[in-house]
Amino acid sequence: MGIAALLYTLKKQTAVLVDTNIVIYFLEDSPVFGAAAREVFQQIQDNEVKGYLSVITVTELLVKPFKSGNEELKKNIRLLLDCFPILNTLDVIREIAIKAAEIRALTNLKTPDAILVATASIHGCALIGNDLECSKKHLVVTYINFGQLIVPE
């Protein structure tokens, strides 16, 4: 397991919805997951896989810098969103909201997670994240469990 397993898994996908925690690992250069998160974004940059974010992720990313007043982190997040043109942000439309309600009813996922799963489903993406709760559920999309692929040494 490791980055090779992650790359192998990503190459089987045509599109991925990147969950918030993967973006945080990338932005904060996580000692455990930072290199692997960079690989995810490199695969997107190289057009090996299409990459998407949900507006839910945008909201979740910006809470910490707004709370702490960290202007540098806000700037870095905006740069990622504005200067990474092939990483598209997907809005929550009514169809996604309805699908999220169905997913939440079936799985008891929290609303933000159900919205992410619904967004991936509606847009035909796999979902890549590091959420143990999501990985245990029978979802309507392929869930790539980052933490299981990138096992810390």
C-alpha atoms as a PDB file:
ATOM      1  CA  MET A   1       0.000   0.000   0.000  1.00  0.00           C
ATOM      2  CA  GLY A   2       1.056   3.567  -0.513  1.00  0.00           C
ATOM      3  CA  ILE A   3       1.245   6.082  -3.306  1.00  0.00           C
ATOM      4  CA  ALA A   4       1.534   3.325  -5.943  1.00  0.00           C
ATOM      5  CA  ALA A   5      -1.772   1.838  -4.736  1.00  0.00           C
ATOM      6  CA  LEU A   6      -3.357   5.285  -4.796  1.00  0.00           C
ATOM      7  CA  LEU A   7      -2.174   5.927  -8.364  1.00  0.00           C
ATOM      8  CA  TYR A   8      -3.387   2.498  -9.477  1.00  0.00           C
ATOM      9  CA  THR A   9      -6.811   3.191  -7.965  1.00  0.00           C
ATOM     10  CA  LEU A  10      -7.019   6.685  -9.471  1.00  0.00           C
ATOM     11  CA  LYS A  11      -6.117   5.400 -12.950  1.00  0.00           C
ATOM     12  CA  LYS A  12      -9.242   3.216 -12.871  1.00  0.00           C
ATOM     13  CA  GLN A  13     -11.406   6.345 -12.536  1.00  0.00           C
ATOM     14  CA  THR A  14     -12.359   8.944 -15.117  1.00  0.00           C
ATOM     15  CA  ALA A  15     -13.387  11.567 -12.544  1.00  0.00           C
ATOM     16  CA  VAL A  16     -13.055  12.100  -8.795  1.00  0.00           C
ATOM     17  CA  LEU A  17     -14.774  14.384  -6.331  1.00  0.00           C
ATOM     18  CA  VAL A  18     -12.095  15.378  -3.822  1.00  0.00           C
ATOM     19  CA  ASP A  19     -13.283  15.527  -0.209  1.00  0.00           C
ATOM     20  CA  THR A  20     -12.233  18.332   2.120  1.00  0.00           C
ATOM     21  CA  ASN A  21      -9.678  16.357   4.113  1.00  0.00           C
ATOM     22  CA  ILE A  22      -7.611  15.579   0.992  1.00  0.00           C
ATOM     23  CA  VAL A  23      -7.471  19.295   0.128  1.00  0.00           C
ATOM     24  CA  ILE A  24      -6.411  20.098   3.699  1.00  0.00           C
ATOM     25  CA  TYR A  25      -3.617  17.494   3.532  1.00  0.00           C
ATOM     26  CA  PHE A  26      -2.449  19.182   0.327  1.00  0.00           C
ATOM     27  CA  LEU A  27      -2.673  22.778   1.590  1.00  0.00           C
ATOM     28  CA  GLU A  28      -1.086  22.047   4.967  1.00  0.00           C
ATOM     29  CA  ASP A  29       1.483  19.601   3.535  1.00  0.00           C
ATOM     30  CA  SER A  30       0.468  16.970   6.073  1.00  0.00           C
ATOM     31  CA  PRO A  31       3.485  14.964   7.271  1.00  0.00           C
ATOM     32  CA  VAL A  32       1.518  11.724   6.888  1.00  0.00           C
ATOM     33  CA  PHE A  33      -0.700  12.379   3.864  1.00  0.00           C
ATOM     34  CA  GLY A  34       0.766  15.466   2.155  1.00  0.00           C
ATOM     35  CA  ALA A  35       2.826  13.656  -0.508  1.00  0.00           C
ATOM     36  CA  ALA A  36      -0.110  11.450  -1.465  1.00  0.00           C
ATOM     37  CA  ALA A  37      -2.482  14.435  -1.583  1.00  0.00           C
ATOM     38  CA  ARG A  38      -0.024  16.190  -3.916  1.00  0.00           C
ATOM     39  CA  GLU A  39      -0.158  13.104  -6.157  1.00  0.00           C
ATOM     40  CA  VAL A  40      -3.955  13.352  -6.346  1.00  0.00           C
ATOM     41  CA  PHE A  41      -3.704  16.962  -7.499  1.00  0.00           C
ATOM     42  CA  GLN A  42      -0.839  16.104  -9.864  1.00  0.00           C
ATOM     43  CA  GLN A  43      -3.014  13.433 -11.520  1.00  0.00           C
ATOM     44  CA  ILE A  44      -5.749  16.035 -11.945  1.00  0.00           C
ATOM     45  CA  GLN A  45      -3.257  18.617 -13.265  1.00  0.00           C
ATOM     46  CA  ASP A  46      -1.887  16.051 -15.756  1.00  0.00           C
ATOM     47  CA  ASN A  47      -5.433  15.251 -16.945  1.00  0.00           C
ATOM     48  CA  GLU A  48      -5.068  11.628 -15.857  1.00  0.00           C
ATOM     49  CA  VAL A  49      -8.366  12.014 -14.018  1.00  0.00           C
ATOM     50  CA  LYS A  50     -10.923  14.827 -13.964  1.00  0.00           C
ATOM     51  CA  GLY A  51     -11.077  16.562 -10.599  1.00  0.00           C
ATOM     52  CA  TYR A  52     -14.012  18.191  -8.872  1.00  0.00           C
ATOM     53  CA  LEU A  53     -14.804  19.860  -5.561  1.00  0.00           C
ATOM     54  CA  SER A  54     -18.212  20.421  -4.028  1.00  0.00           C
ATOM     55  CA  VAL A  55     -19.248  23.838  -2.777  1.00  0.00           C
ATOM     56  CA  ILE A  56     -19.563  22.022   0.569  1.00  0.00           C
ATOM     57  CA  THR A  57     -15.784  21.539   0.469  1.00  0.00           C
ATOM     58  CA  VAL A  58     -15.259  25.231  -0.263  1.00  0.00           C
ATOM     59  CA  THR A  59     -17.332  26.096   2.815  1.00  0.00           C
ATOM     60  CA  GLU A  60     -15.538  23.563   5.019  1.00  0.00           C
ATOM     61  CA  LEU A  61     -12.112  24.754   3.848  1.00  0.00           C
ATOM     62  CA  LEU A  62     -12.811  28.386   4.687  1.00  0.00           C
ATOM     63  CA  VAL A  63     -14.250  27.947   8.199  1.00  0.00           C
ATOM     64  CA  LYS A  64     -10.868  27.618   9.938  1.00  0.00           C
ATOM     65  CA  PRO A  65      -9.231  30.687   8.342  1.00  0.00           C
ATOM     66  CA  PHE A  66     -12.333  32.820   8.907  1.00  0.00           C
ATOM     67  CA  LYS A  67     -12.452  31.737  12.553  1.00  0.00           C
ATOM     68  CA  SER A  68      -8.762  32.333  13.176  1.00  0.00           C
ATOM     69  CA  GLY A  69      -8.389  35.363  10.906  1.00  0.00           C
ATOM     70  CA  ASN A  70      -5.624  33.549   9.010  1.00  0.00           C
ATOM     71  CA  GLU A  71      -5.425  35.684   5.869  1.00  0.00           C
ATOM     72  CA  GLU A  72      -2.554  33.628   4.424  1.00  0.00           C
ATOM     73  CA  LEU A  73      -4.598  30.416   4.558  1.00  0.00           C
ATOM     74  CA  LYS A  74      -7.615  32.199   3.040  1.00  0.00           C
ATOM     75  CA  LYS A  75      -5.356  33.428   0.246  1.00  0.00           C
ATOM     76  CA  ASN A  76      -3.959  29.924  -0.372  1.00  0.00           C
ATOM     77  CA  ILE A  77      -7.437  28.425  -0.553  1.00  0.00           C
ATOM     78  CA  ARG A  78      -8.579  31.136  -2.971  1.00  0.00           C
ATOM     79  CA  LEU A  79      -5.467  30.535  -5.089  1.00  0.00           C
ATOM     80  CA  LEU A  80      -6.252  26.837  -5.264  1.00  0.00           C
ATOM     81  CA  LEU A  81      -9.850  27.552  -6.241  1.00  0.00           C
ATOM     82  CA  ASP A  82      -9.054  30.342  -8.705  1.00  0.00           C
ATOM     83  CA  CYS A  83      -5.762  29.199 -10.221  1.00  0.00           C
ATOM     84  CA  PHE A  84      -6.354  25.483 -10.677  1.00  0.00           C
ATOM     85  CA  PRO A  85      -8.706  25.758 -13.668  1.00  0.00           C
ATOM     86  CA  ILE A  86      -9.139  22.047 -14.258  1.00  0.00           C
ATOM     87  CA  LEU A  87     -10.385  21.499 -10.704  1.00  0.00           C
ATOM     88  CA  ASN A  88     -14.050  22.356 -11.150  1.00  0.00           C
ATOM     89  CA  THR A  89     -16.340  23.321  -8.272  1.00  0.00           C
ATOM     90  CA  LEU A  90     -19.797  21.765  -8.434  1.00  0.00           C
ATOM     91  CA  ASP A  91     -22.847  23.518  -7.029  1.00  0.00           C
ATOM     92  CA  VAL A  92     -25.548  21.820  -4.986  1.00  0.00           C
ATOM     93  CA  ILE A  93     -28.555  21.804  -7.270  1.00  0.00           C
ATOM     94  CA  ARG A  94     -32.031  20.504  -6.444  1.00  0.00           C
ATOM     95  CA  GLU A  95     -31.311  17.091  -7.991  1.00  0.00           C
ATOM     96  CA  ILE A  96     -28.292  16.696  -5.699  1.00  0.00           C
ATOM     97  CA  ALA A  97     -30.286  17.833  -2.653  1.00  0.00           C
ATOM     98  CA  ILE A  98     -32.976  15.228  -3.352  1.00  0.00           C
ATOM     99  CA  LYS A  99     -30.382  12.490  -3.936  1.00  0.00           C
ATOM    100  CA  ALA A 100     -28.597  13.531  -0.719  1.00  0.00           C
ATOM    101  CA  ALA A 101     -31.839  13.158   1.243  1.00  0.00           C
ATOM    102  CA  GLU A 102     -32.288   9.654  -0.177  1.00  0.00           C
ATOM    103  CA  ILE A 103     -28.677   8.724   0.642  1.00  0.00           C
ATOM    104  CA  ARG A 104     -28.984  10.153   4.140  1.00  0.00           C
ATOM    105  CA  ALA A 105     -32.203   8.194   4.738  1.00  0.00           C
ATOM    106  CA  LEU A 106     -30.528   4.956   3.619  1.00  0.00           C
ATOM    107  CA  THR A 107     -27.123   5.380   5.264  1.00  0.00           C
ATOM    108  CA  ASN A 108     -27.534   7.830   8.171  1.00  0.00           C
ATOM    109  CA  LEU A 109     -24.579   9.815   6.851  1.00  0.00           C
ATOM    110  CA  LYS A 110     -24.342  13.404   8.051  1.00  0.00           C
ATOM    111  CA  THR A 111     -25.846  15.906   5.623  1.00  0.00           C
ATOM    112  CA  PRO A 112     -22.516  17.277   4.280  1.00  0.00           C
ATOM    113  CA  ASP A 113     -21.278  13.739   3.558  1.00  0.00           C
ATOM    114  CA  ALA A 114     -24.583  12.770   1.953  1.00  0.00           C
ATOM    115  CA  ILE A 115     -24.333  15.863  -0.264  1.00  0.00           C
ATOM    116  CA  LEU A 116     -20.808  14.871  -1.311  1.00  0.00           C
ATOM    117  CA  VAL A 117     -21.918  11.328  -2.162  1.00  0.00           C
ATOM    118  CA  ALA A 118     -24.938  12.657  -4.061  1.00  0.00           C
ATOM    119  CA  THR A 119     -22.764  15.138  -5.957  1.00  0.00           C
ATOM    120  CA  ALA A 120     -20.363  12.366  -6.963  1.00  0.00           C
ATOM    121  CA  SER A 121     -23.277  10.155  -7.988  1.00  0.00           C
ATOM    122  CA  ILE A 122     -25.053  12.775 -10.103  1.00  0.00           C
ATOM    123  CA  HIS A 123     -21.802  13.775 -11.830  1.00  0.00           C
ATOM    124  CA  GLY A 124     -20.516  10.221 -12.356  1.00  0.00           C
ATOM    125  CA  CYS A 125     -17.452  10.575 -10.132  1.00  0.00           C
ATOM    126  CA  ALA A 126     -15.716   8.423  -7.598  1.00  0.00           C
ATOM    127  CA  LEU A 127     -15.379  10.112  -4.197  1.00  0.00           C
ATOM    128  CA  ILE A 128     -11.907  10.270  -2.657  1.00  0.00           C
ATOM    129  CA  GLY A 129     -11.702  11.004   1.035  1.00  0.00           C
ATOM    130  CA  ASN A 130     -10.475   9.784   4.386  1.00  0.00           C
ATOM    131  CA  ASP A 131     -13.755   9.299   6.199  1.00  0.00           C
ATOM    132  CA  LEU A 132     -14.097   6.012   8.048  1.00  0.00           C
ATOM    133  CA  GLU A 133     -17.878   6.406   8.287  1.00  0.00           C
ATOM    134  CA  CYS A 134     -18.224   6.786   4.504  1.00  0.00           C
ATOM    135  CA  SER A 135     -15.927   3.853   3.843  1.00  0.00           C
ATOM    136  CA  LYS A 136     -18.132   1.554   5.958  1.00  0.00           C
ATOM    137  CA  LYS A 137     -21.348   2.408   4.109  1.00  0.00           C
ATOM    138  CA  HIS A 138     -22.696   0.831   0.953  1.00  0.00           C
ATOM    139  CA  LEU A 139     -22.655   3.937  -1.186  1.00  0.00           C
ATOM    140  CA  VAL A 140     -24.020   4.577  -4.661  1.00  0.00           C
ATOM    141  CA  VAL A 141     -20.525   5.633  -5.799  1.00  0.00           C
ATOM    142  CA  THR A 142     -17.010   4.255  -5.658  1.00  0.00           C
ATOM    143  CA  TYR A 143     -15.420   5.489  -2.436  1.00  0.00           C
ATOM    144  CA  ILE A 144     -11.632   5.688  -2.526  1.00  0.00           C
ATOM    145  CA  ASN A 145     -10.516   5.486   1.088  1.00  0.00           C
ATOM    146  CA  PHE A 146      -7.344   7.537   1.144  1.00  0.00           C
ATOM    147  CA  GLY A 147      -6.325   6.428   4.634  1.00  0.00           C
ATOM    148  CA  GLN A 148      -6.513   2.732   3.770  1.00  0.00           C
ATOM    149  CA  LEU A 149      -4.375   3.216   0.661  1.00  0.00           C
ATOM    150  CA  ILE A 150      -1.818   5.507   2.284  1.00  0.00           C
ATOM    151  CA  VAL A 151      -0.928   3.622   5.429  1.00  0.00           C
ATOM    152  CA  PRO A 152       1.423   5.643   7.653  1.00  0.00           C
ATOM    153  CA  GLU A 153       4.695   3.859   8.348  1.00  0.00           C
END
